[in-house]
Amino acid sequence: MPNHSFYPSGAARDRLALLLRSWPWLLLILVGCGQSPYALSPGAQVAANGQQTLIARNTELQSRANALDQSNQQLQSLLAQSQQKTQILNDEVVALRDQLRGLTNQLAQSRSEKEGLEKRTQAMAASVRNRPGARIQANNSLISRLTVIHLPGINVRQDGDVVRIELPGDQLFHRGGATLKPGAAQLIDAVAADIRRSYPQQRIGIEGHTDSDPMSTAEFPSNHHLSLSRATAVYDELTQRLHFAPQQLFVIGHGANHPIVSNATAAGKARNRRVELVIYPETYSPN
């Protein structure tokens, strides 16, 4: 026999049948009210709308954050480049300051050396002028006995109580140097022989002169250095090869301080580049 425990009672069956017959009407009523049988409640609808708004806002904020992060990276790159350029400029400033400090020290040293040379020159000239001895007057016949006045390029002149014999620098040295050129020895030999014959015991100054063109090399930082080196080269030639007594000679470097003519022309500069053998009235006593 079938098991009737799975079937509803008669009253229940009646209510179920009534409900089955009535569900289309209930559905129409819900549709007519503008509601879906599956519609959310008002609270759930508000929550859903708020969640969508938050998602959209979060997406917008994330996009703005990404744009700001990209801009920040670009600014960081520009800042790094600017800092690098600033460091390079600072290094260049430091290097220029060091270079300027070095040049300032060299200038101060050159000025000090120049002042020292000028003081020694003045003291030596004063000492020579104040010593008793034979004087060479302007009309003294001794100057006319010098045969070097007839040598090409050699100028001899009376300068107060001294006689000056000009040796052209361009015949003795290459431009900017202090080493005697080939052929310079013959010129020095001719002048030295005449001096030895005419003034055997006079004191002789060897004075170097340059033109006004600035001189600044590792070997010759100034015209004073160059003029003194050139005068010393002639001194060495007279004492070492021609055997003049060292106590008869003295050396001075004037640089460009005593031009004979204007340095405005090339010919004037050439005339001013010279080594002068200066015959003083003082005599010396050989040992």
C-alpha atoms as a PDB file:
ATOM      1  CA  MET A   1       0.000   0.000   0.000  1.00  0.00           C
ATOM      2  CA  PRO A   2       1.200   3.518  -0.754  1.00  0.00           C
ATOM      3  CA  ASN A   3       2.571   5.638   2.050  1.00  0.00           C
ATOM      4  CA  HIS A   4       0.183   8.592   2.505  1.00  0.00           C
ATOM      5  CA  SER A   5       2.567  10.486   4.843  1.00  0.00           C
ATOM      6  CA  PHE A   6       4.015  12.374   1.822  1.00  0.00           C
ATOM      7  CA  TYR A   7       0.723  13.934   0.766  1.00  0.00           C
ATOM      8  CA  PRO A   8      -0.935  16.973   2.400  1.00  0.00           C
ATOM      9  CA  SER A   9      -4.271  16.794   4.113  1.00  0.00           C
ATOM     10  CA  GLY A  10      -7.461  17.834   2.329  1.00  0.00           C
ATOM     11  CA  ALA A  11      -7.570  21.405   3.744  1.00  0.00           C
ATOM     12  CA  ALA A  12      -3.931  21.954   2.861  1.00  0.00           C
ATOM     13  CA  ARG A  13      -4.530  20.684  -0.617  1.00  0.00           C
ATOM     14  CA  ASP A  14      -7.294  23.187  -1.071  1.00  0.00           C
ATOM     15  CA  ARG A  15      -5.143  26.138   0.033  1.00  0.00           C
ATOM     16  CA  LEU A  16      -2.317  25.055  -2.278  1.00  0.00           C
ATOM     17  CA  ALA A  17      -4.625  24.762  -5.204  1.00  0.00           C
ATOM     18  CA  LEU A  18      -6.010  28.243  -4.516  1.00  0.00           C
ATOM     19  CA  LEU A  19      -2.513  29.667  -4.373  1.00  0.00           C
ATOM     20  CA  LEU A  20      -1.508  28.059  -7.653  1.00  0.00           C
ATOM     21  CA  ARG A  21      -4.544  29.456  -9.309  1.00  0.00           C
ATOM     22  CA  SER A  22      -3.881  32.974  -7.907  1.00  0.00           C
ATOM     23  CA  TRP A  23      -0.080  33.553  -8.595  1.00  0.00           C
ATOM     24  CA  PRO A  24      -0.540  35.170 -12.023  1.00  0.00           C
ATOM     25  CA  TRP A  25      -2.726  37.832 -10.478  1.00  0.00           C
ATOM     26  CA  LEU A  26      -0.250  38.483  -7.733  1.00  0.00           C
ATOM     27  CA  LEU A  27       2.464  38.898 -10.366  1.00  0.00           C
ATOM     28  CA  LEU A  28       0.361  41.420 -12.274  1.00  0.00           C
ATOM     29  CA  ILE A  29      -0.248  43.376  -9.086  1.00  0.00           C
ATOM     30  CA  LEU A  30       3.482  43.583  -8.420  1.00  0.00           C
ATOM     31  CA  VAL A  31       4.225  44.669 -11.992  1.00  0.00           C
ATOM     32  CA  GLY A  32       1.503  47.263 -11.872  1.00  0.00           C
ATOM     33  CA  CYS A  33       3.075  48.762  -8.792  1.00  0.00           C
ATOM     34  CA  GLY A  34       6.364  49.187 -10.710  1.00  0.00           C
ATOM     35  CA  GLN A  35       8.210  46.535  -8.791  1.00  0.00           C
ATOM     36  CA  SER A  36       9.907  43.410  -9.956  1.00  0.00           C
ATOM     37  CA  PRO A  37       9.454  40.248  -8.043  1.00  0.00           C
ATOM     38  CA  TYR A  38      13.297  40.282  -7.922  1.00  0.00           C
ATOM     39  CA  ALA A  39      13.766  44.047  -7.075  1.00  0.00           C
ATOM     40  CA  LEU A  40      16.089  45.096  -4.175  1.00  0.00           C
ATOM     41  CA  SER A  41      14.787  46.754  -1.121  1.00  0.00           C
ATOM     42  CA  PRO A  42      15.300  50.552  -0.863  1.00  0.00           C
ATOM     43  CA  GLY A  43      18.123  50.176   1.683  1.00  0.00           C
ATOM     44  CA  ALA A  44      19.954  47.655  -0.472  1.00  0.00           C
ATOM     45  CA  GLN A  45      19.516  49.872  -3.535  1.00  0.00           C
ATOM     46  CA  VAL A  46      21.092  52.856  -1.691  1.00  0.00           C
ATOM     47  CA  ALA A  47      23.975  50.689  -0.526  1.00  0.00           C
ATOM     48  CA  ALA A  48      24.559  49.444  -4.069  1.00  0.00           C
ATOM     49  CA  ASN A  49      24.547  52.976  -5.479  1.00  0.00           C
ATOM     50  CA  GLY A  50      26.978  54.125  -2.781  1.00  0.00           C
ATOM     51  CA  GLN A  51      29.324  51.261  -3.568  1.00  0.00           C
ATOM     52  CA  GLN A  52      29.343  52.133  -7.265  1.00  0.00           C
ATOM     53  CA  THR A  53      30.069  55.773  -6.408  1.00  0.00           C
ATOM     54  CA  LEU A  54      32.979  54.734  -4.176  1.00  0.00           C
ATOM     55  CA  ILE A  55      34.374  52.501  -6.897  1.00  0.00           C
ATOM     56  CA  ALA A  56      34.223  55.331  -9.451  1.00  0.00           C
ATOM     57  CA  ARG A  57      35.775  57.772  -6.962  1.00  0.00           C
ATOM     58  CA  ASN A  58      38.508  55.291  -6.104  1.00  0.00           C
ATOM     59  CA  THR A  59      39.269  54.802  -9.794  1.00  0.00           C
ATOM     60  CA  GLU A  60      39.497  58.586 -10.310  1.00  0.00           C
ATOM     61  CA  LEU A  61      41.763  59.011  -7.275  1.00  0.00           C
ATOM     62  CA  GLN A  62      44.013  56.177  -8.421  1.00  0.00           C
ATOM     63  CA  SER A  63      44.325  57.784 -11.860  1.00  0.00           C
ATOM     64  CA  ARG A  64      45.243  61.120 -10.271  1.00  0.00           C
ATOM     65  CA  ALA A  65      47.738  59.407  -7.957  1.00  0.00           C
ATOM     66  CA  ASN A  66      49.395  57.740 -10.946  1.00  0.00           C
ATOM     67  CA  ALA A  67      49.632  61.096 -12.759  1.00  0.00           C
ATOM     68  CA  LEU A  68      51.095  62.768  -9.653  1.00  0.00           C
ATOM     69  CA  ASP A  69      53.589  59.941  -9.227  1.00  0.00           C
ATOM     70  CA  GLN A  70      54.728  60.325 -12.838  1.00  0.00           C
ATOM     71  CA  SER A  71      55.087  64.094 -12.409  1.00  0.00           C
ATOM     72  CA  ASN A  72      57.039  63.515  -9.192  1.00  0.00           C
ATOM     73  CA  GLN A  73      59.437  61.166 -10.974  1.00  0.00           C
ATOM     74  CA  GLN A  74      60.023  63.773 -13.705  1.00  0.00           C
ATOM     75  CA  LEU A  75      60.656  66.459 -11.092  1.00  0.00           C
ATOM     76  CA  GLN A  76      63.079  64.172  -9.260  1.00  0.00           C
ATOM     77  CA  SER A  77      64.965  63.593 -12.514  1.00  0.00           C
ATOM     78  CA  LEU A  78      65.126  67.343 -13.234  1.00  0.00           C
ATOM     79  CA  LEU A  79      66.277  68.000  -9.670  1.00  0.00           C
ATOM     80  CA  ALA A  80      69.062  65.428  -9.991  1.00  0.00           C
ATOM     81  CA  GLN A  81      70.214  67.007 -13.270  1.00  0.00           C
ATOM     82  CA  SER A  82      70.127  70.479 -11.712  1.00  0.00           C
ATOM     83  CA  GLN A  83      72.149  69.288  -8.715  1.00  0.00           C
ATOM     84  CA  GLN A  84      74.714  67.704 -11.034  1.00  0.00           C
ATOM     85  CA  LYS A  85      75.056  70.925 -13.060  1.00  0.00           C
ATOM     86  CA  THR A  86      75.353  72.931  -9.834  1.00  0.00           C
ATOM     87  CA  GLN A  87      78.149  70.656  -8.623  1.00  0.00           C
ATOM     88  CA  ILE A  88      79.999  71.049 -11.920  1.00  0.00           C
ATOM     89  CA  LEU A  89      79.695  74.842 -11.700  1.00  0.00           C
ATOM     90  CA  ASN A  90      80.908  74.786  -8.098  1.00  0.00           C
ATOM     91  CA  ASP A  91      83.935  72.706  -9.107  1.00  0.00           C
ATOM     92  CA  GLU A  92      84.711  75.151 -11.917  1.00  0.00           C
ATOM     93  CA  VAL A  93      84.450  78.097  -9.506  1.00  0.00           C
ATOM     94  CA  VAL A  94      86.835  76.391  -7.084  1.00  0.00           C
ATOM     95  CA  ALA A  95      89.298  75.678  -9.913  1.00  0.00           C
ATOM     96  CA  LEU A  96      89.121  79.292 -11.134  1.00  0.00           C
ATOM     97  CA  ARG A  97      89.687  80.568  -7.613  1.00  0.00           C
ATOM     98  CA  ASP A  98      92.741  78.336  -7.233  1.00  0.00           C
ATOM     99  CA  GLN A  99      94.061  79.522 -10.606  1.00  0.00           C
ATOM    100  CA  LEU A 100      93.466  83.161  -9.664  1.00  0.00           C
ATOM    101  CA  ARG A 101      95.204  82.621  -6.332  1.00  0.00           C
ATOM    102  CA  GLY A 102      98.197  81.104  -8.127  1.00  0.00           C
ATOM    103  CA  LEU A 103      98.371  83.961 -10.626  1.00  0.00           C
ATOM    104  CA  THR A 104      98.100  86.496  -7.815  1.00  0.00           C
ATOM    105  CA  ASN A 105     100.980  84.831  -5.984  1.00  0.00           C
ATOM    106  CA  GLN A 106     103.088  84.782  -9.161  1.00  0.00           C
ATOM    107  CA  LEU A 107     102.339  88.462  -9.768  1.00  0.00           C
ATOM    108  CA  ALA A 108     103.293  89.343  -6.210  1.00  0.00           C
ATOM    109  CA  GLN A 109     106.498  87.342  -6.512  1.00  0.00           C
ATOM    110  CA  SER A 110     107.366  88.993  -9.838  1.00  0.00           C
ATOM    111  CA  ARG A 111     106.762  92.435  -8.365  1.00  0.00           C
ATOM    112  CA  SER A 112     108.919  91.584  -5.382  1.00  0.00           C
ATOM    113  CA  GLU A 113     111.720  90.325  -7.623  1.00  0.00           C
ATOM    114  CA  LYS A 114     111.403  93.427  -9.807  1.00  0.00           C
ATOM    115  CA  GLU A 115     111.633  95.726  -6.810  1.00  0.00           C
ATOM    116  CA  GLY A 116     114.629  93.798  -5.509  1.00  0.00           C
ATOM    117  CA  LEU A 117     116.408  94.035  -8.862  1.00  0.00           C
ATOM    118  CA  GLU A 118     115.698  97.744  -9.144  1.00  0.00           C
ATOM    119  CA  LYS A 119     116.951  98.399  -5.620  1.00  0.00           C
ATOM    120  CA  ARG A 120     120.126  96.419  -6.237  1.00  0.00           C
ATOM    121  CA  THR A 121     120.639  98.240  -9.543  1.00  0.00           C
ATOM    122  CA  GLN A 122     120.178 101.639  -7.940  1.00  0.00           C
ATOM    123  CA  ALA A 123     122.485 100.746  -5.073  1.00  0.00           C
ATOM    124  CA  MET A 124     125.160  99.463  -7.435  1.00  0.00           C
ATOM    125  CA  ALA A 125     124.901 102.502  -9.700  1.00  0.00           C
ATOM    126  CA  ALA A 126     125.105 104.851  -6.710  1.00  0.00           C
ATOM    127  CA  SER A 127     128.081 102.966  -5.369  1.00  0.00           C
ATOM    128  CA  VAL A 128     129.876 103.213  -8.701  1.00  0.00           C
ATOM    129  CA  ARG A 129     129.114 106.920  -9.072  1.00  0.00           C
ATOM    130  CA  ASN A 130     130.326 107.711  -5.565  1.00  0.00           C
ATOM    131  CA  ARG A 131     133.653 105.903  -5.824  1.00  0.00           C
ATOM    132  CA  PRO A 132     136.706 107.957  -6.685  1.00  0.00           C
ATOM    133  CA  GLY A 133     138.341 107.184 -10.007  1.00  0.00           C
ATOM    134  CA  ALA A 134     139.003 108.419 -13.512  1.00  0.00           C
ATOM    135  CA  ARG A 135     136.028 110.112 -15.120  1.00  0.00           C
ATOM    136  CA  ILE A 136     135.091 109.656 -18.748  1.00  0.00           C
ATOM    137  CA  GLN A 137     133.877 113.014 -19.964  1.00  0.00           C
ATOM    138  CA  ALA A 138     131.617 113.558 -22.962  1.00  0.00           C
ATOM    139  CA  ASN A 139     134.444 114.986 -24.985  1.00  0.00           C
ATOM    140  CA  ASN A 140     136.936 112.376 -23.863  1.00  0.00           C
ATOM    141  CA  SER A 141     139.019 111.130 -26.766  1.00  0.00           C
ATOM    142  CA  LEU A 142     138.773 107.560 -25.455  1.00  0.00           C
ATOM    143  CA  ILE A 143     135.373 107.045 -27.074  1.00  0.00           C
ATOM    144  CA  SER A 144     136.804 107.946 -30.479  1.00  0.00           C
ATOM    145  CA  ARG A 145     139.436 105.242 -30.078  1.00  0.00           C
ATOM    146  CA  LEU A 146     136.753 102.517 -30.031  1.00  0.00           C
ATOM    147  CA  THR A 147     136.798 100.716 -33.359  1.00  0.00           C
ATOM    148  CA  VAL A 148     133.480  98.980 -32.618  1.00  0.00           C
ATOM    149  CA  ILE A 149     131.678 102.172 -33.578  1.00  0.00           C
ATOM    150  CA  HIS A 150     132.320 101.155 -37.170  1.00  0.00           C
ATOM    151  CA  LEU A 151     130.755  97.667 -36.821  1.00  0.00           C
ATOM    152  CA  PRO A 152     127.373  97.284 -38.569  1.00  0.00           C
ATOM    153  CA  GLY A 153     124.498  97.405 -36.112  1.00  0.00           C
ATOM    154  CA  ILE A 154     126.677  98.502 -33.190  1.00  0.00           C
ATOM    155  CA  ASN A 155     125.738 101.786 -31.536  1.00  0.00           C
ATOM    156  CA  VAL A 156     128.152 103.553 -29.166  1.00  0.00           C
ATOM    157  CA  ARG A 157     127.099 106.617 -27.211  1.00  0.00           C
ATOM    158  CA  GLN A 158     128.289 108.763 -24.357  1.00  0.00           C
ATOM    159  CA  ASP A 159     125.829 108.763 -21.426  1.00  0.00           C
ATOM    160  CA  GLY A 160     127.069 111.198 -18.812  1.00  0.00           C
ATOM    161  CA  ASP A 161     130.272 109.783 -17.399  1.00  0.00           C
ATOM    162  CA  VAL A 162     129.819 106.312 -18.943  1.00  0.00           C
ATOM    163  CA  VAL A 163     130.193 104.898 -22.438  1.00  0.00           C
ATOM    164  CA  ARG A 164     127.482 102.540 -23.651  1.00  0.00           C
ATOM    165  CA  ILE A 165     128.062  99.943 -26.383  1.00  0.00           C
ATOM    166  CA  GLU A 166     124.829  98.428 -27.665  1.00  0.00           C
ATOM    167  CA  LEU A 167     124.836  94.794 -28.785  1.00  0.00           C
ATOM    168  CA  PRO A 168     121.624  94.136 -30.784  1.00  0.00           C
ATOM    169  CA  GLY A 169     119.602  91.434 -29.071  1.00  0.00           C
ATOM    170  CA  ASP A 170     118.412  89.960 -32.361  1.00  0.00           C
ATOM    171  CA  GLN A 171     122.055  89.369 -33.410  1.00  0.00           C
ATOM    172  CA  LEU A 172     122.761  87.578 -30.143  1.00  0.00           C
ATOM    173  CA  PHE A 173     119.601  85.602 -29.330  1.00  0.00           C
ATOM    174  CA  HIS A 174     116.516  84.040 -30.822  1.00  0.00           C
ATOM    175  CA  ARG A 175     113.218  85.730 -29.896  1.00  0.00           C
ATOM    176  CA  GLY A 176     112.189  84.892 -26.352  1.00  0.00           C
ATOM    177  CA  GLY A 177     115.394  82.954 -25.577  1.00  0.00           C
ATOM    178  CA  ALA A 178     118.680  83.536 -23.746  1.00  0.00           C
ATOM    179  CA  THR A 179     120.939  81.081 -25.561  1.00  0.00           C
ATOM    180  CA  LEU A 180     123.517  82.703 -27.855  1.00  0.00           C
ATOM    181  CA  LYS A 181     122.908  82.208 -31.574  1.00  0.00           C
ATOM    182  CA  PRO A 182     125.583  80.812 -33.891  1.00  0.00           C
ATOM    183  CA  GLY A 183     127.720  83.762 -34.910  1.00  0.00           C
ATOM    184  CA  ALA A 184     127.017  85.749 -31.718  1.00  0.00           C
ATOM    185  CA  ALA A 185     130.454  84.821 -30.352  1.00  0.00           C
ATOM    186  CA  GLN A 186     132.208  86.636 -33.218  1.00  0.00           C
ATOM    187  CA  LEU A 187     130.341  89.853 -32.421  1.00  0.00           C
ATOM    188  CA  ILE A 188     131.178  89.570 -28.716  1.00  0.00           C
ATOM    189  CA  ASP A 189     134.829  88.792 -29.558  1.00  0.00           C
ATOM    190  CA  ALA A 190     135.170  91.976 -31.647  1.00  0.00           C
ATOM    191  CA  VAL A 191     133.621  94.214 -28.997  1.00  0.00           C
ATOM    192  CA  ALA A 192     135.509  92.547 -26.135  1.00  0.00           C
ATOM    193  CA  ALA A 193     138.852  92.974 -27.902  1.00  0.00           C
ATOM    194  CA  ASP A 194     138.209  96.678 -28.409  1.00  0.00           C
ATOM    195  CA  ILE A 195     137.137  97.152 -24.777  1.00  0.00           C
ATOM    196  CA  ARG A 196     140.168  95.284 -23.512  1.00  0.00           C
ATOM    197  CA  ARG A 197     142.444  97.473 -25.606  1.00  0.00           C
ATOM    198  CA  SER A 198     140.783 100.825 -24.799  1.00  0.00           C
ATOM    199  CA  TYR A 199     139.616 100.206 -21.213  1.00  0.00           C
ATOM    200  CA  PRO A 200     141.766  97.441 -19.745  1.00  0.00           C
ATOM    201  CA  GLN A 201     140.957  98.215 -16.115  1.00  0.00           C
ATOM    202  CA  GLN A 202     137.589  99.983 -16.223  1.00  0.00           C
ATOM    203  CA  ARG A 203     134.625  98.403 -14.503  1.00  0.00           C
ATOM    204  CA  ILE A 204     132.086  97.128 -17.022  1.00  0.00           C
ATOM    205  CA  GLY A 205     128.381  96.707 -16.490  1.00  0.00           C
ATOM    206  CA  ILE A 206     126.498  94.165 -18.597  1.00  0.00           C
ATOM    207  CA  GLU A 207     122.910  95.388 -18.820  1.00  0.00           C
ATOM    208  CA  GLY A 208     120.083  93.439 -20.439  1.00  0.00           C
ATOM    209  CA  HIS A 209     117.065  95.205 -21.996  1.00  0.00           C
ATOM    210  CA  THR A 210     113.858  93.964 -23.706  1.00  0.00           C
ATOM    211  CA  ASP A 211     111.046  95.535 -25.670  1.00  0.00           C
ATOM    212  CA  SER A 212     107.605  96.154 -24.182  1.00  0.00           C
ATOM    213  CA  ASP A 213     105.993  92.882 -25.320  1.00  0.00           C
ATOM    214  CA  PRO A 214     104.968  90.950 -22.191  1.00  0.00           C
ATOM    215  CA  MET A 215     106.946  87.815 -21.340  1.00  0.00           C
ATOM    216  CA  SER A 216     105.459  84.976 -19.309  1.00  0.00           C
ATOM    217  CA  THR A 217     106.894  81.481 -19.748  1.00  0.00           C
ATOM    218  CA  ALA A 218     107.991  78.763 -17.349  1.00  0.00           C
ATOM    219  CA  GLU A 219     111.635  79.664 -18.016  1.00  0.00           C
ATOM    220  CA  PHE A 220     111.169  83.451 -18.056  1.00  0.00           C
ATOM    221  CA  PRO A 221     108.138  84.612 -16.012  1.00  0.00           C
ATOM    222  CA  SER A 222     108.837  88.264 -16.879  1.00  0.00           C
ATOM    223  CA  ASN A 223     110.944  90.536 -19.063  1.00  0.00           C
ATOM    224  CA  HIS A 224     113.220  91.121 -16.085  1.00  0.00           C
ATOM    225  CA  HIS A 225     114.047  87.421 -15.954  1.00  0.00           C
ATOM    226  CA  LEU A 226     114.711  87.352 -19.696  1.00  0.00           C
ATOM    227  CA  SER A 227     116.902  90.475 -19.698  1.00  0.00           C
ATOM    228  CA  LEU A 228     118.911  89.252 -16.713  1.00  0.00           C
ATOM    229  CA  SER A 229     119.420  85.822 -18.315  1.00  0.00           C
ATOM    230  CA  ARG A 230     120.646  87.418 -21.546  1.00  0.00           C
ATOM    231  CA  ALA A 231     123.082  89.678 -19.688  1.00  0.00           C
ATOM    232  CA  THR A 232     124.316  86.645 -17.762  1.00  0.00           C
ATOM    233  CA  ALA A 233     124.898  84.747 -21.017  1.00  0.00           C
ATOM    234  CA  VAL A 234     127.180  87.555 -22.236  1.00  0.00           C
ATOM    235  CA  TYR A 235     128.886  87.641 -18.819  1.00  0.00           C
ATOM    236  CA  ASP A 236     129.604  83.896 -19.062  1.00  0.00           C
ATOM    237  CA  GLU A 237     131.037  84.381 -22.544  1.00  0.00           C
ATOM    238  CA  LEU A 238     133.363  87.163 -21.357  1.00  0.00           C
ATOM    239  CA  THR A 239     134.571  85.418 -18.206  1.00  0.00           C
ATOM    240  CA  GLN A 240     134.684  81.771 -19.266  1.00  0.00           C
ATOM    241  CA  ARG A 241     135.824  81.942 -22.866  1.00  0.00           C
ATOM    242  CA  LEU A 242     137.499  85.366 -23.105  1.00  0.00           C
ATOM    243  CA  HIS A 243     138.890  85.306 -19.537  1.00  0.00           C
ATOM    244  CA  PHE A 244     137.768  88.717 -18.326  1.00  0.00           C
ATOM    245  CA  ALA A 245     138.196  89.078 -14.570  1.00  0.00           C
ATOM    246  CA  PRO A 246     134.838  88.442 -12.839  1.00  0.00           C
ATOM    247  CA  GLN A 247     135.510  91.339 -10.425  1.00  0.00           C
ATOM    248  CA  GLN A 248     135.722  93.695 -13.399  1.00  0.00           C
ATOM    249  CA  LEU A 249     132.153  92.921 -14.477  1.00  0.00           C
ATOM    250  CA  PHE A 250     128.659  93.098 -12.994  1.00  0.00           C
ATOM    251  CA  VAL A 251     125.277  92.103 -14.431  1.00  0.00           C
ATOM    252  CA  ILE A 252     121.923  93.949 -14.424  1.00  0.00           C
ATOM    253  CA  GLY A 253     118.541  93.075 -15.967  1.00  0.00           C
ATOM    254  CA  HIS A 254     116.348  96.113 -16.687  1.00  0.00           C
ATOM    255  CA  GLY A 255     113.519  94.368 -18.543  1.00  0.00           C
ATOM    256  CA  ALA A 256     111.556  96.924 -20.587  1.00  0.00           C
ATOM    257  CA  ASN A 257     112.110  99.799 -18.131  1.00  0.00           C
ATOM    258  CA  HIS A 258     114.674 101.766 -20.162  1.00  0.00           C
ATOM    259  CA  PRO A 259     113.773 101.882 -23.867  1.00  0.00           C
ATOM    260  CA  ILE A 260     116.016 103.940 -26.141  1.00  0.00           C
ATOM    261  CA  VAL A 261     113.233 104.642 -28.636  1.00  0.00           C
ATOM    262  CA  SER A 262     109.468 104.145 -28.756  1.00  0.00           C
ATOM    263  CA  ASN A 263     108.108 100.591 -28.798  1.00  0.00           C
ATOM    264  CA  ALA A 264     105.290 101.674 -31.127  1.00  0.00           C
ATOM    265  CA  THR A 265     107.009 100.182 -34.203  1.00  0.00           C
ATOM    266  CA  ALA A 266     108.726  96.887 -34.950  1.00  0.00           C
ATOM    267  CA  ALA A 267     111.982  98.741 -35.657  1.00  0.00           C
ATOM    268  CA  GLY A 268     111.734 100.514 -32.312  1.00  0.00           C
ATOM    269  CA  LYS A 269     111.185  97.234 -30.479  1.00  0.00           C
ATOM    270  CA  ALA A 270     114.182  95.694 -32.263  1.00  0.00           C
ATOM    271  CA  ARG A 271     116.384  98.615 -31.154  1.00  0.00           C
ATOM    272  CA  ASN A 272     115.226  98.251 -27.554  1.00  0.00           C
ATOM    273  CA  ARG A 273     116.053  94.525 -27.476  1.00  0.00           C
ATOM    274  CA  ARG A 274     119.730  94.816 -26.591  1.00  0.00           C
ATOM    275  CA  VAL A 275     122.575  94.033 -24.224  1.00  0.00           C
ATOM    276  CA  GLU A 276     124.677  97.053 -23.330  1.00  0.00           C
ATOM    277  CA  LEU A 277     128.311  96.911 -22.253  1.00  0.00           C
ATOM    278  CA  VAL A 278     128.641  99.991 -20.046  1.00  0.00           C
ATOM    279  CA  ILE A 279     132.139 101.349 -19.422  1.00  0.00           C
ATOM    280  CA  TYR A 280     132.271 103.061 -16.021  1.00  0.00           C
ATOM    281  CA  PRO A 281     134.938 105.524 -14.911  1.00  0.00           C
ATOM    282  CA  GLU A 282     135.763 103.241 -12.003  1.00  0.00           C
ATOM    283  CA  THR A 283     138.837 101.053 -12.288  1.00  0.00           C
ATOM    284  CA  TYR A 284     139.488  97.767 -10.533  1.00  0.00           C
ATOM    285  CA  SER A 285     142.693  96.279  -9.203  1.00  0.00           C
ATOM    286  CA  PRO A 286     143.480  92.817 -10.521  1.00  0.00           C
ATOM    287  CA  ASN A 287     144.496  90.287  -7.907  1.00  0.00           C
END
